[in-house]
Protein backbone atom coordinates (compact mmCIF):
# COMPACT_ATOMS: atom_id res chain seq x y z
CA UNK A 1 -39.76 9.59 7.64
CA UNK A 2 -39.38 8.07 4.21
CA UNK A 3 -38.22 4.50 3.79
CA UNK A 4 -34.99 5.59 2.13
CA UNK A 5 -34.08 7.86 5.06
CA UNK A 6 -35.16 5.20 7.56
CA UNK A 7 -32.86 2.63 5.89
CA UNK A 8 -29.91 4.99 6.31
CA UNK A 9 -30.75 5.79 9.95
CA UNK A 10 -32.15 2.40 10.99
CA UNK A 11 -31.90 2.10 14.81
CA UNK A 12 -31.00 -1.58 15.02
CA UNK A 13 -27.52 -2.37 16.35
CA UNK A 14 -26.31 -5.97 16.42
CA UNK A 15 -25.17 -7.33 19.81
CA UNK A 16 -21.52 -6.63 20.50
CA UNK A 17 -20.60 -9.91 22.22
CA UNK A 18 -19.92 -11.89 19.02
CA UNK A 19 -16.75 -13.96 19.11
CA UNK A 20 -15.32 -16.25 16.42
CA UNK A 21 -11.91 -17.61 15.37
CA UNK A 22 -11.56 -14.71 12.94
CA UNK A 23 -12.51 -11.15 13.79
CA UNK A 24 -14.92 -9.13 11.70
CA UNK A 25 -13.86 -6.79 8.92
CA UNK A 26 -14.38 -3.16 9.90
CA UNK A 27 -14.40 -0.80 6.93
CA UNK A 28 -14.91 2.92 7.25
CA UNK A 29 -13.81 6.31 6.11
CA UNK A 30 -16.28 8.18 8.37
CA UNK A 31 -16.34 7.22 12.04
CA UNK A 32 -19.47 8.31 13.94
CA UNK A 33 -19.01 10.21 17.23
CA UNK A 34 -21.71 10.18 19.92
CA UNK A 35 -21.24 13.90 20.65
CA UNK A 36 -18.93 16.86 20.05
CA UNK A 37 -17.05 16.25 23.29
CA UNK A 38 -16.03 12.80 22.04
CA UNK A 39 -15.13 14.27 18.65
CA UNK A 40 -12.73 16.72 20.29
CA UNK A 41 -11.25 14.40 22.90
CA UNK A 42 -10.59 11.11 21.12
CA UNK A 43 -6.94 10.21 20.54
CA UNK A 44 -6.22 7.75 17.74
CA UNK A 45 -2.45 7.90 18.40
CA UNK A 46 -2.57 5.46 21.32
CA UNK A 47 -5.20 3.14 19.81
CA UNK A 48 -7.66 4.01 22.58
CA UNK A 49 -10.35 5.35 20.24
CA UNK A 50 -11.39 5.78 16.63
CA UNK A 51 -11.54 9.07 14.73
CA UNK A 52 -11.29 8.34 11.00
CA UNK A 53 -10.87 5.20 8.96
CA UNK A 54 -7.40 6.20 7.78
CA UNK A 55 -6.22 6.37 11.40
CA UNK A 56 -7.35 2.88 12.33
CA UNK A 57 -10.23 0.46 12.79
CA UNK A 58 -10.59 -2.57 15.09
CA UNK A 59 -9.31 -4.71 12.19
CA UNK A 60 -6.17 -2.70 11.50
CA UNK A 61 -5.42 -2.07 15.18
CA UNK A 62 -5.61 -5.82 15.84
CA UNK A 63 -3.33 -6.65 12.93
CA UNK A 64 -0.80 -4.04 14.04
CA UNK A 65 -0.68 -5.42 17.58
CA UNK A 66 -0.21 -8.99 16.41
CA UNK A 67 2.55 -8.03 13.97
CA UNK A 68 4.38 -6.05 16.65
CA UNK A 69 4.34 -9.13 18.89
CA UNK A 70 5.50 -11.36 16.01
CA UNK A 71 8.59 -9.25 15.36
CA UNK A 72 9.41 -8.46 18.98
CA UNK A 73 8.44 -4.79 18.79
CA UNK A 74 5.80 -2.77 20.57
CA UNK A 75 4.49 -0.31 17.96
CA UNK A 76 3.34 -1.02 14.41
CA UNK A 77 2.05 0.94 11.42
CA UNK A 78 0.52 -0.54 8.27
CA UNK A 79 1.36 0.68 4.78
CA UNK A 80 0.04 -0.20 1.30
CA UNK A 81 3.15 -2.27 0.42
CA UNK A 82 6.60 -3.23 1.63
CA UNK A 83 8.16 -0.58 -0.58
CA UNK A 84 5.73 1.98 0.86
CA UNK A 85 7.04 1.04 4.31
CA UNK A 86 10.62 1.69 3.18
CA UNK A 87 9.63 5.01 1.63
CA UNK A 88 7.72 6.04 4.73
CA UNK A 89 10.72 5.46 6.99
CA UNK A 90 12.88 7.53 4.64
CA UNK A 91 10.38 10.38 4.44
CA UNK A 92 9.76 10.41 8.20
CA UNK A 93 13.41 10.44 9.28
CA UNK A 94 15.39 12.18 6.53
CA UNK A 95 15.71 15.89 5.80
CA UNK A 96 17.43 17.86 3.07
CA UNK A 97 21.19 17.56 3.60
CA UNK A 98 20.96 14.16 5.32
CA UNK A 99 22.49 10.97 3.98
CA UNK A 100 21.24 7.38 4.03
CA UNK A 101 23.42 4.28 3.65
CA UNK A 102 22.04 1.25 1.82
CA UNK A 103 23.56 -2.21 1.28
CA UNK A 104 24.62 -2.77 -2.31
CA UNK A 105 22.80 -6.13 -2.23
CA UNK A 106 19.54 -4.61 -0.93
CA UNK A 107 16.11 -4.82 -2.49
CA UNK A 108 16.61 -2.86 -5.72
CA UNK A 109 13.62 -0.46 -5.35
CA UNK A 110 15.12 0.76 -2.05
CA UNK A 111 18.15 1.95 -4.02
CA UNK A 112 15.99 3.33 -6.82
CA UNK A 113 14.04 5.41 -4.31
CA UNK A 114 17.29 6.94 -3.07
CA UNK A 115 18.43 7.64 -6.62
CA UNK A 116 15.11 9.25 -7.51
CA UNK A 117 12.86 10.93 -4.96
CA UNK A 118 15.41 11.22 -2.15
CA UNK A 119 17.98 12.79 -4.47
CA UNK A 120 15.38 15.31 -5.68
CA UNK A 121 14.74 16.27 -2.06
CA UNK A 122 18.44 16.93 -1.47
CA UNK A 123 19.08 13.68 0.42
CA UNK A 124 22.21 11.81 -0.62
CA UNK A 125 23.02 8.14 -0.31
CA UNK A 126 25.95 5.74 -0.37
CA UNK A 127 26.02 2.01 -1.05
CA UNK A 128 28.08 -0.09 1.34
CA UNK A 129 29.31 -3.67 1.36
CA UNK A 130 26.99 -5.48 3.77
CA UNK A 131 29.54 -8.26 4.23
CA UNK A 132 32.21 -5.84 5.43
CA UNK A 133 31.28 -3.97 8.63
CA UNK A 134 34.43 -1.87 8.31
CA UNK A 135 33.12 -0.50 5.02
CA UNK A 136 29.93 0.64 6.74
CA UNK A 137 31.89 2.23 9.58
CA UNK A 138 34.11 4.11 7.13
CA UNK A 139 31.14 5.55 5.25
CA UNK A 140 29.23 7.00 8.21
CA UNK A 141 29.67 10.78 8.37
CA UNK A 142 28.06 13.57 10.43
CA UNK A 143 25.45 13.78 7.66
CA UNK A 144 24.45 10.14 8.00
CA UNK A 145 21.02 9.89 9.55
CA UNK A 146 19.84 6.38 8.62
CA UNK A 147 21.40 3.01 7.75
CA UNK A 148 19.37 0.34 6.00
CA UNK A 149 20.10 -3.32 6.73
CA UNK A 150 18.89 -6.44 4.98
CA UNK A 151 19.23 -10.10 5.94
CA UNK A 152 19.55 -12.08 3.83
CA UNK A 153 20.59 -9.87 0.89
CA UNK A 154 18.21 -9.61 -2.03
CA UNK A 155 18.70 -12.14 -4.83
CA UNK A 156 22.20 -13.29 -3.80
CA UNK A 157 21.20 -14.18 -0.24
CA UNK A 158 24.39 -13.14 1.57
CA UNK A 159 23.82 -13.12 5.33
CA UNK A 160 25.62 -10.19 6.99
CA UNK A 161 27.00 -9.88 10.50
CA UNK A 162 23.93 -8.03 11.76
CA UNK A 163 25.27 -7.73 15.28
CA UNK A 164 28.40 -5.95 14.06
CA UNK A 165 26.46 -3.67 11.72
CA UNK A 166 23.96 -2.68 14.42
CA UNK A 167 26.73 -2.10 16.94
CA UNK A 168 28.42 0.31 14.51
CA UNK A 169 25.16 2.22 14.11
CA UNK A 170 24.78 2.41 17.89
CA UNK A 171 28.34 3.65 18.37
CA UNK A 172 27.88 6.30 15.67
CA UNK A 173 24.44 7.38 16.91
CA UNK A 174 22.52 6.77 13.68
CA UNK A 175 19.19 5.04 13.17
CA UNK A 176 19.27 1.54 11.68
CA UNK A 177 16.28 0.03 9.91
CA UNK A 178 16.08 -3.61 8.83
CA UNK A 179 14.11 -5.04 5.95
CA UNK A 180 12.93 -8.11 7.86
CA UNK A 181 10.79 -9.64 5.12
CA UNK A 182 13.08 -12.68 4.71
CA UNK A 183 13.13 -13.44 8.45
CA UNK A 184 9.39 -12.78 8.80
CA UNK A 185 9.76 -12.27 12.55
CA UNK A 186 10.51 -15.99 12.92
CA UNK A 187 14.15 -16.59 11.96
CA UNK A 188 15.51 -14.19 14.61
CA UNK A 189 14.45 -11.31 16.84
CA UNK A 190 15.68 -8.13 15.19
CA UNK A 191 15.09 -6.11 18.35
CA UNK A 192 17.22 -8.43 20.50
CA UNK A 193 20.12 -9.78 18.47
CA UNK A 194 22.21 -10.65 21.54
CA UNK A 195 19.84 -12.32 24.04
CA UNK A 196 21.35 -12.70 27.48
CA UNK A 197 24.57 -10.89 26.57
CA UNK A 198 23.88 -7.57 28.25
CA UNK A 199 21.43 -5.52 30.28
CA UNK A 200 20.14 -3.66 27.23
CA UNK A 201 19.39 -5.80 24.17
CA UNK A 202 21.28 -4.87 21.03
CA UNK A 203 18.75 -4.49 18.26
CA UNK A 204 17.61 -2.43 15.32
CA UNK A 205 15.54 0.73 15.70
CA UNK A 206 12.98 -0.19 13.05
CA UNK A 207 11.92 -3.17 11.01
CA UNK A 208 9.90 -3.04 7.85
CA UNK A 209 8.12 -6.11 6.58
CA UNK A 210 6.55 -6.75 3.19
CA UNK A 211 3.40 -8.45 4.45
CA UNK A 212 2.80 -9.18 0.79
CA UNK A 213 5.09 -12.18 1.25
CA UNK A 214 4.87 -14.73 4.09
CA UNK A 215 2.27 -13.07 6.35
CA UNK A 216 -0.37 -12.91 3.60
CA UNK A 217 0.72 -16.24 2.14
CA UNK A 218 -1.57 -16.16 -0.87
CA UNK A 219 0.19 -13.98 -3.41
CA UNK A 220 -2.90 -11.77 -3.52
CA UNK A 221 -2.36 -8.97 -0.98
CA UNK A 222 -0.10 -5.92 -1.07
CA UNK A 223 0.78 -4.54 2.36
CA UNK A 224 3.71 -3.52 4.52
CA UNK A 225 4.46 -2.80 8.16
CA UNK A 226 6.80 -0.56 10.16
CA UNK A 227 7.65 -1.75 13.67
CA UNK A 228 9.67 -0.23 16.49
CA UNK A 229 10.13 -0.45 20.25
CA UNK A 230 10.82 3.25 20.68
CA UNK A 231 7.73 5.26 21.69
CA UNK A 232 9.20 8.60 20.57
CA UNK A 233 10.27 7.14 17.24
CA UNK A 234 6.83 5.59 16.81
CA UNK A 235 5.21 8.98 17.36
CA UNK A 236 7.43 10.54 14.71
CA UNK A 237 6.60 7.77 12.27
CA UNK A 238 2.90 7.87 13.12
CA UNK A 239 2.54 11.62 12.63
CA UNK A 240 4.25 11.35 9.26
CA UNK A 241 1.99 8.41 8.43
CA UNK A 242 -1.04 10.58 9.19
CA UNK A 243 0.21 13.49 7.10
CA UNK A 244 1.06 11.30 4.12
CA UNK A 245 -2.35 9.65 4.26
CA UNK A 246 -1.21 6.09 3.63
CA UNK A 247 -3.71 3.44 4.69
CA UNK A 248 -4.77 -0.12 3.95
CA UNK A 249 -8.14 -1.66 3.15
CA UNK A 250 -10.12 -3.59 5.73
CA UNK A 251 -10.45 -6.66 3.55
CA UNK A 252 -6.71 -6.80 2.95
CA UNK A 253 -6.03 -6.45 6.69
CA UNK A 254 -8.51 -9.26 7.37
CA UNK A 255 -6.78 -11.47 4.78
CA UNK A 256 -3.43 -11.08 6.55
CA UNK A 257 -5.05 -11.68 9.95
CA UNK A 258 -6.56 -14.90 8.64
CA UNK A 259 -3.20 -16.09 7.31
CA UNK A 260 -1.09 -15.27 10.38
CA UNK A 261 -2.00 -18.42 12.40
CA UNK A 262 -0.46 -20.61 9.68
CA UNK A 263 2.60 -18.40 9.11
CA UNK A 264 4.97 -20.53 11.17
CA UNK A 265 3.82 -23.77 9.53
CA UNK A 266 4.10 -22.37 6.01
CA UNK A 267 7.47 -20.72 6.65
CA UNK A 268 8.97 -23.93 8.01
CA UNK A 269 7.54 -26.06 5.19
CA UNK A 270 8.91 -23.74 2.53
CA UNK A 271 12.22 -23.53 4.37
CA UNK A 272 12.64 -27.31 4.43
CA UNK A 273 11.63 -27.65 0.78
CA UNK A 274 14.08 -24.95 -0.26
CA UNK A 275 16.94 -26.61 1.62
CA UNK A 276 16.25 -29.97 0.01
CA UNK A 277 16.10 -28.51 -3.49
CA UNK A 278 19.13 -26.26 -2.90
CA UNK A 279 21.23 -29.26 -1.80
CA UNK A 280 20.19 -31.14 -4.95
CA UNK A 281 21.02 -28.13 -7.10
CA UNK A 282 24.49 -28.01 -5.55
CA UNK A 283 25.16 -31.36 -7.26
CA UNK A 284 24.20 -30.15 -10.73
CA UNK A 285 26.99 -29.13 -13.14
CA UNK A 286 24.89 -26.31 -14.61
CA UNK A 287 25.01 -24.46 -11.29
CA UNK A 288 28.48 -23.38 -10.17
CA UNK A 289 27.26 -21.92 -6.87
CA UNK A 290 24.13 -22.27 -4.74
CA UNK A 291 23.31 -19.27 -2.58
CA UNK A 292 21.32 -20.30 0.48
CA UNK A 293 22.29 -19.09 3.99
CA UNK A 294 21.85 -22.55 5.54
CA UNK A 295 24.41 -24.13 3.18
CA UNK A 296 27.93 -24.10 4.62
CA UNK A 297 29.39 -22.86 1.34
CA UNK A 298 27.07 -19.84 1.10
CA UNK A 299 28.37 -16.32 1.79
CA UNK A 300 27.60 -15.39 5.38
CA UNK A 301 26.65 -18.90 6.52
CA UNK A 302 28.54 -18.45 9.80
CA UNK A 303 26.62 -15.24 10.52
CA UNK A 304 23.32 -16.98 9.76
CA UNK A 305 24.24 -19.85 12.08
CA UNK A 306 25.27 -17.52 14.89
CA UNK A 307 21.99 -15.62 14.74
CA UNK A 308 19.38 -18.14 13.61
CA UNK A 309 20.49 -21.44 15.19
CA UNK A 310 19.79 -21.92 18.88
CA UNK A 311 18.39 -24.42 21.39
CA UNK A 312 14.81 -23.69 20.32
CA UNK A 313 15.72 -23.87 16.62
CA UNK A 314 18.61 -26.39 16.35
CA UNK A 315 18.31 -26.45 12.55
CA UNK A 316 17.75 -22.71 12.30
CA UNK A 317 15.27 -21.04 10.01
CA UNK A 318 16.14 -19.77 6.55
CA UNK A 319 12.98 -18.96 4.55
CA UNK A 320 12.09 -20.60 1.25
CA UNK A 321 14.35 -18.77 -1.18
CA UNK A 322 17.68 -19.55 -2.79
CA UNK A 323 19.59 -18.58 -5.90
CA UNK A 324 21.98 -20.37 -8.23
CA UNK A 325 24.89 -18.93 -10.18
CA UNK A 326 24.74 -20.35 -13.68
CA UNK A 327 27.78 -21.89 -15.38
CA UNK A 328 29.64 -19.19 -17.35
CA UNK A 329 29.44 -21.25 -20.54
CA UNK A 330 25.71 -20.53 -20.76
CA UNK A 331 24.55 -17.40 -22.56
CA UNK A 332 21.78 -15.24 -21.17
CA UNK A 333 19.57 -16.51 -23.97
CA UNK A 334 20.12 -20.10 -22.83
CA UNK A 335 19.45 -19.17 -19.19
CA UNK A 336 16.22 -17.44 -20.18
CA UNK A 337 15.23 -20.55 -22.14
CA UNK A 338 15.91 -22.67 -19.04
CA UNK A 339 13.55 -20.48 -17.00
CA UNK A 340 10.93 -20.56 -19.76
CA UNK A 341 11.11 -24.38 -19.82
CA UNK A 342 10.12 -24.71 -16.17
CA UNK A 343 6.52 -25.86 -15.79
CA UNK A 344 5.75 -25.66 -12.07
CA UNK A 345 8.00 -22.68 -11.37
CA UNK A 346 6.24 -19.65 -12.79
CA UNK A 347 8.01 -16.50 -13.91
CA UNK A 348 7.03 -13.82 -11.43
CA UNK A 349 8.25 -11.47 -8.72
CA UNK A 350 7.52 -11.73 -4.98
CA UNK A 351 7.46 -14.90 -2.88
CA UNK A 352 5.86 -16.51 0.14
CA UNK A 353 2.75 -17.73 -1.66
CA UNK A 354 1.64 -21.28 -2.53
CA UNK A 355 3.15 -21.23 -6.04
CA UNK A 356 6.87 -21.54 -6.70
CA UNK A 357 8.45 -18.72 -8.70
CA UNK A 358 11.63 -18.16 -10.70
CA UNK A 359 13.40 -15.02 -11.97
CA UNK A 360 16.70 -14.68 -13.88
CA UNK A 361 18.99 -11.77 -12.93
CA UNK A 362 22.06 -10.13 -14.42
CA UNK A 363 23.94 -8.70 -11.45
CA UNK A 364 26.16 -6.41 -13.50
CA UNK A 365 23.09 -4.21 -13.97
CA UNK A 366 22.23 -3.92 -10.28
CA UNK A 367 25.48 -4.04 -8.24
CA UNK A 368 28.19 -1.43 -7.81
CA UNK A 369 30.29 -3.05 -5.10
CA UNK A 370 32.60 -6.05 -5.52
CA UNK A 371 30.93 -9.44 -5.97
CA UNK A 372 34.12 -11.52 -5.78
CA UNK A 373 32.39 -13.92 -3.39
CA UNK A 374 30.12 -14.88 -6.28
CA UNK A 375 31.27 -17.16 -9.09
CA UNK A 376 29.42 -15.30 -11.80
CA UNK A 377 26.92 -12.53 -12.48
CA UNK A 378 24.15 -14.55 -14.12
CA UNK A 379 21.88 -15.69 -11.33
CA UNK A 380 18.54 -17.48 -11.17
CA UNK A 381 16.42 -17.09 -8.03
CA UNK A 382 14.01 -19.82 -6.95
CA UNK A 383 11.21 -18.98 -4.51
CA UNK A 384 9.64 -22.14 -3.16
CA UNK A 385 5.90 -22.48 -2.72
CA UNK A 386 3.92 -25.35 -1.22
CA UNK A 387 4.31 -27.94 -3.97
CA UNK A 388 5.93 -31.32 -3.24
CA UNK A 389 9.73 -31.12 -3.33
CA UNK A 390 9.96 -34.17 -5.61
CA UNK A 391 7.76 -32.44 -8.18
CA UNK A 392 9.83 -29.26 -8.06
CA UNK A 393 13.06 -31.23 -8.41
CA UNK A 394 11.66 -33.08 -11.42
CA UNK A 395 10.67 -29.76 -12.96
CA UNK A 396 14.19 -28.33 -12.63
CA UNK A 397 15.65 -31.60 -13.92
CA UNK A 398 13.59 -31.55 -17.10
CA UNK A 399 14.49 -27.92 -17.77
CA UNK A 400 18.19 -28.73 -17.22
CA UNK A 401 17.91 -31.61 -19.70
CA UNK A 402 16.65 -29.17 -22.32
CA UNK A 403 19.44 -26.73 -21.44
CA UNK A 404 22.13 -29.34 -22.00
CA UNK A 405 25.55 -29.73 -20.45
CA UNK A 406 27.63 -26.56 -19.92
């Protein structure tokens, strides 16, 4: 045997009883079977064996199980991004002639997907007012197959009455899927929204989670998850996942696994920093409204309190994001200059990493439903990182000084 062949087929196998705080990174496309019987009998669907890298490795199986536990589910699938998770749920559950309902204040790419690919496939959609359960109830028809939920709403941070919205979906017999990226599996249990109030917990059918945000924590990983408690629904999602061929890299899965133990600490630190800065911003004349679910004046605060504040979390949890509505006397050019003047806050999308971010928005370009609960359409979103609050406050103060009085 030549040396080159021997190197490929070297007989040495490392001992299997290696244990460390972090598990190893398993990367494979090909998975080796000991014999043809094993090749024909292995079942990757129940995580009892391995068949092909796309269908799971010890690294991805472990991450899926931990994420399912985090969010209160029992089954988890990994996707290349949070948006991929949304798209996968749509593709797995919707057929030509079906309709999907989406909150008007949802993550914008969710709506763009419905306007683009779903429409081309003959799937219609409606936008509903997430702050008005009656509006959702009125829009459900026999063609409605799926309702998307989001808490808190994207950019403007309204917190809906999730219990009421889920109850409507249950009564109408339609699936409900929650974008749970903001809550991160920590702020509330999406699969049991009414603990102790009935024999069967009232919860969503599916959560998706942009692991890109808090679970990865570094601003350097793109990944998403789909979680459910329903075994039949999981099988439907999993078979579609297999057919679409969406997978994640072993190194990315390992990066999220390494970050998960500090998730709770980071989430709480960014939450507390955001609250402190949001309360300071509420005192600034340049901002006519501060949108943060934990502030009493914020839209949906009572719903946030009812769901996220309890004996174990007397202060509740509310992530590290808030937005401000700018004074109407400022032009968009001035608001852009304010954002450009920030030094610690960097202009960039996403959140949950160590660096604070800022983005200006013009809501008239992204909302169709009424926004009367907002005091303007020019909004700036702050996503808090791990910097000292005093430094972030000083940064906003110096940018406001350059902006001048309204």
